[in-house]
Amino acid sequence: MDDRVYQVIELIGSSSDSWEKAAENAVREASKTYDDLRVAEVVEMDVLIEAGAVIAFRTKLRLSFKQG
């Protein structure tokens, strides 16, 4: 087995539909910048509220990718 090094970043995705869509949005955007994405760990989820209604879902991810 080859030795590997992975880098980890944190991202927050948002969606007006769901936490899952928020995570998908974060991964999709990260894939435009980072190659060889490996694992996304959900760190936190929250919602934005306006006038007593949920207007957005947010998902914070810890995302790893292979370096080099």
N, C-alpha and C. Protein backbone atom coordinates (compact mmCIF):
# COMPACT_ATOMS: atom_id res chain seq x y z
N MET A 1 0.84 -1.19 0.00
CA MET A 1 0.00 0.00 0.00
C MET A 1 0.88 1.24 0.00
N ASP A 2 0.55 2.18 -0.85
CA ASP A 2 1.30 3.43 -0.94
C ASP A 2 0.94 4.34 0.22
N ASP A 3 1.94 5.09 0.68
CA ASP A 3 1.66 6.12 1.68
C ASP A 3 0.95 7.27 1.00
N ARG A 4 -0.04 7.82 1.66
CA ARG A 4 -0.81 8.92 1.08
C ARG A 4 -0.97 10.03 2.12
N VAL A 5 -1.15 11.23 1.61
CA VAL A 5 -1.42 12.38 2.46
C VAL A 5 -2.71 13.02 1.96
N TYR A 6 -3.60 13.31 2.89
CA TYR A 6 -4.87 13.94 2.54
C TYR A 6 -4.96 15.29 3.24
N GLN A 7 -5.53 16.25 2.55
CA GLN A 7 -5.77 17.56 3.14
C GLN A 7 -7.24 17.65 3.49
N VAL A 8 -7.56 18.39 4.55
CA VAL A 8 -8.94 18.54 5.00
C VAL A 8 -9.29 20.03 5.03
N ILE A 9 -10.44 20.36 4.47
CA ILE A 9 -10.95 21.74 4.51
C ILE A 9 -12.37 21.71 5.07
N GLU A 10 -12.84 22.84 5.55
CA GLU A 10 -14.23 22.96 5.99
C GLU A 10 -14.98 23.87 5.03
N LEU A 11 -16.19 23.47 4.70
CA LEU A 11 -17.05 24.23 3.79
C LEU A 11 -18.45 24.29 4.37
N ILE A 12 -19.18 25.32 4.01
CA ILE A 12 -20.60 25.42 4.36
C ILE A 12 -21.37 25.57 3.06
N GLY A 13 -22.27 24.62 2.82
CA GLY A 13 -23.16 24.69 1.68
C GLY A 13 -24.53 25.14 2.13
N SER A 14 -25.28 25.75 1.24
CA SER A 14 -26.63 26.18 1.59
C SER A 14 -27.61 25.79 0.48
N SER A 15 -28.87 25.66 0.88
CA SER A 15 -29.93 25.30 -0.04
C SER A 15 -31.26 25.76 0.54
N SER A 16 -32.17 26.10 -0.32
CA SER A 16 -33.51 26.45 0.15
C SER A 16 -34.38 25.20 0.29
N ASP A 17 -33.85 24.02 -0.11
CA ASP A 17 -34.63 22.79 -0.10
C ASP A 17 -34.36 21.85 1.08
N SER A 18 -33.06 21.57 1.37
CA SER A 18 -32.76 20.56 2.40
C SER A 18 -31.29 20.62 2.80
N TRP A 19 -30.99 19.95 3.93
CA TRP A 19 -29.60 19.83 4.35
C TRP A 19 -28.80 18.99 3.36
N GLU A 20 -29.44 17.95 2.80
CA GLU A 20 -28.76 17.10 1.82
C GLU A 20 -28.36 17.89 0.58
N LYS A 21 -29.26 18.71 0.10
CA LYS A 21 -28.95 19.56 -1.07
C LYS A 21 -27.84 20.55 -0.73
N ALA A 22 -27.86 21.07 0.50
CA ALA A 22 -26.80 21.99 0.92
C ALA A 22 -25.45 21.29 0.87
N ALA A 23 -25.38 20.05 1.35
CA ALA A 23 -24.13 19.28 1.30
C ALA A 23 -23.72 19.02 -0.15
N GLU A 24 -24.67 18.63 -0.98
CA GLU A 24 -24.37 18.40 -2.40
C GLU A 24 -23.83 19.67 -3.06
N ASN A 25 -24.40 20.81 -2.74
CA ASN A 25 -23.93 22.08 -3.32
C ASN A 25 -22.49 22.36 -2.91
N ALA A 26 -22.16 22.11 -1.65
CA ALA A 26 -20.80 22.35 -1.17
C ALA A 26 -19.81 21.43 -1.88
N VAL A 27 -20.16 20.16 -2.02
CA VAL A 27 -19.26 19.20 -2.69
C VAL A 27 -19.11 19.55 -4.17
N ARG A 28 -20.20 19.90 -4.82
CA ARG A 28 -20.14 20.26 -6.25
C ARG A 28 -19.22 21.46 -6.47
N GLU A 29 -19.36 22.48 -5.63
CA GLU A 29 -18.50 23.66 -5.78
C GLU A 29 -17.04 23.35 -5.47
N ALA A 30 -16.81 22.52 -4.44
CA ALA A 30 -15.43 22.15 -4.08
C ALA A 30 -14.77 21.37 -5.21
N SER A 31 -15.54 20.54 -5.90
CA SER A 31 -14.97 19.73 -6.98
C SER A 31 -14.47 20.58 -8.15
N LYS A 32 -14.91 21.82 -8.23
CA LYS A 32 -14.41 22.73 -9.27
C LYS A 32 -13.00 23.22 -8.96
N THR A 33 -12.63 23.18 -7.69
CA THR A 33 -11.32 23.70 -7.26
C THR A 33 -10.36 22.60 -6.85
N TYR A 34 -10.87 21.55 -6.21
CA TYR A 34 -10.03 20.49 -5.64
C TYR A 34 -10.23 19.20 -6.41
N ASP A 35 -9.11 18.50 -6.68
CA ASP A 35 -9.15 17.21 -7.36
C ASP A 35 -9.18 16.07 -6.36
N ASP A 36 -9.70 14.96 -6.78
CA ASP A 36 -9.65 13.71 -6.03
C ASP A 36 -10.29 13.83 -4.64
N LEU A 37 -11.51 14.37 -4.60
CA LEU A 37 -12.24 14.46 -3.34
C LEU A 37 -12.50 13.06 -2.81
N ARG A 38 -12.42 12.87 -1.49
CA ARG A 38 -12.53 11.54 -0.91
C ARG A 38 -13.73 11.38 0.01
N VAL A 39 -13.77 12.11 1.11
CA VAL A 39 -14.79 11.92 2.14
C VAL A 39 -15.28 13.27 2.62
N ALA A 40 -16.59 13.38 2.81
CA ALA A 40 -17.18 14.58 3.41
C ALA A 40 -17.87 14.16 4.70
N GLU A 41 -17.47 14.76 5.80
CA GLU A 41 -18.06 14.49 7.10
C GLU A 41 -18.94 15.67 7.49
N VAL A 42 -20.20 15.39 7.82
CA VAL A 42 -21.10 16.46 8.26
C VAL A 42 -20.71 16.85 9.68
N VAL A 43 -20.38 18.12 9.85
CA VAL A 43 -19.94 18.63 11.14
C VAL A 43 -21.10 19.30 11.88
N GLU A 44 -21.92 20.02 11.14
CA GLU A 44 -22.99 20.80 11.75
C GLU A 44 -24.07 21.10 10.72
N MET A 45 -25.30 21.19 11.17
CA MET A 45 -26.40 21.59 10.30
C MET A 45 -27.20 22.66 11.03
N ASP A 46 -27.64 23.67 10.29
CA ASP A 46 -28.49 24.68 10.88
C ASP A 46 -29.42 25.25 9.81
N VAL A 47 -30.33 26.09 10.23
CA VAL A 47 -31.27 26.72 9.30
C VAL A 47 -31.26 28.22 9.53
N LEU A 48 -31.56 28.95 8.47
CA LEU A 48 -31.78 30.40 8.57
C LEU A 48 -33.27 30.63 8.65
N ILE A 49 -33.67 31.49 9.55
CA ILE A 49 -35.09 31.75 9.79
C ILE A 49 -35.38 33.22 9.54
N GLU A 50 -36.49 33.46 8.86
CA GLU A 50 -36.92 34.84 8.60
C GLU A 50 -38.43 34.90 8.79
N ALA A 51 -38.89 35.81 9.60
CA ALA A 51 -40.32 35.98 9.87
C ALA A 51 -40.97 34.67 10.31
N GLY A 52 -40.25 33.90 11.13
CA GLY A 52 -40.80 32.66 11.66
C GLY A 52 -40.79 31.48 10.72
N ALA A 53 -40.17 31.63 9.55
CA ALA A 53 -40.13 30.54 8.57
C ALA A 53 -38.69 30.21 8.19
N VAL A 54 -38.43 28.94 7.94
CA VAL A 54 -37.10 28.52 7.48
C VAL A 54 -36.94 28.97 6.04
N ILE A 55 -35.86 29.72 5.78
CA ILE A 55 -35.61 30.19 4.42
C ILE A 55 -34.41 29.51 3.78
N ALA A 56 -33.55 28.87 4.59
CA ALA A 56 -32.39 28.19 4.02
C ALA A 56 -31.86 27.15 5.00
N PHE A 57 -31.37 26.06 4.43
CA PHE A 57 -30.70 25.01 5.18
C PHE A 57 -29.20 25.15 4.94
N ARG A 58 -28.39 24.99 5.99
CA ARG A 58 -26.94 25.07 5.83
C ARG A 58 -26.30 23.82 6.43
N THR A 59 -25.32 23.28 5.71
CA THR A 59 -24.60 22.11 6.16
C THR A 59 -23.11 22.41 6.12
N LYS A 60 -22.46 22.25 7.28
CA LYS A 60 -21.01 22.43 7.35
C LYS A 60 -20.37 21.06 7.19
N LEU A 61 -19.40 20.98 6.26
CA LEU A 61 -18.71 19.73 5.96
C LEU A 61 -17.23 19.86 6.21
N ARG A 62 -16.64 18.77 6.64
CA ARG A 62 -15.19 18.62 6.66
C ARG A 62 -14.89 17.70 5.48
N LEU A 63 -14.19 18.21 4.48
CA LEU A 63 -13.98 17.52 3.22
C LEU A 63 -12.52 17.19 3.02
N SER A 64 -12.23 15.93 2.69
CA SER A 64 -10.83 15.54 2.47
C SER A 64 -10.59 15.26 0.99
N PHE A 65 -9.36 15.52 0.57
CA PHE A 65 -8.95 15.23 -0.79
C PHE A 65 -7.48 14.82 -0.78
N LYS A 66 -7.12 14.00 -1.79
CA LYS A 66 -5.76 13.50 -1.85
C LYS A 66 -4.83 14.60 -2.34
N GLN A 67 -3.75 14.75 -1.65
CA GLN A 67 -2.78 15.78 -2.01
C GLN A 67 -1.69 15.17 -2.87
N GLY A 68 -1.32 15.91 -3.91
CA GLY A 68 -0.21 15.49 -4.74
C GLY A 68 -0.48 14.45 -5.72
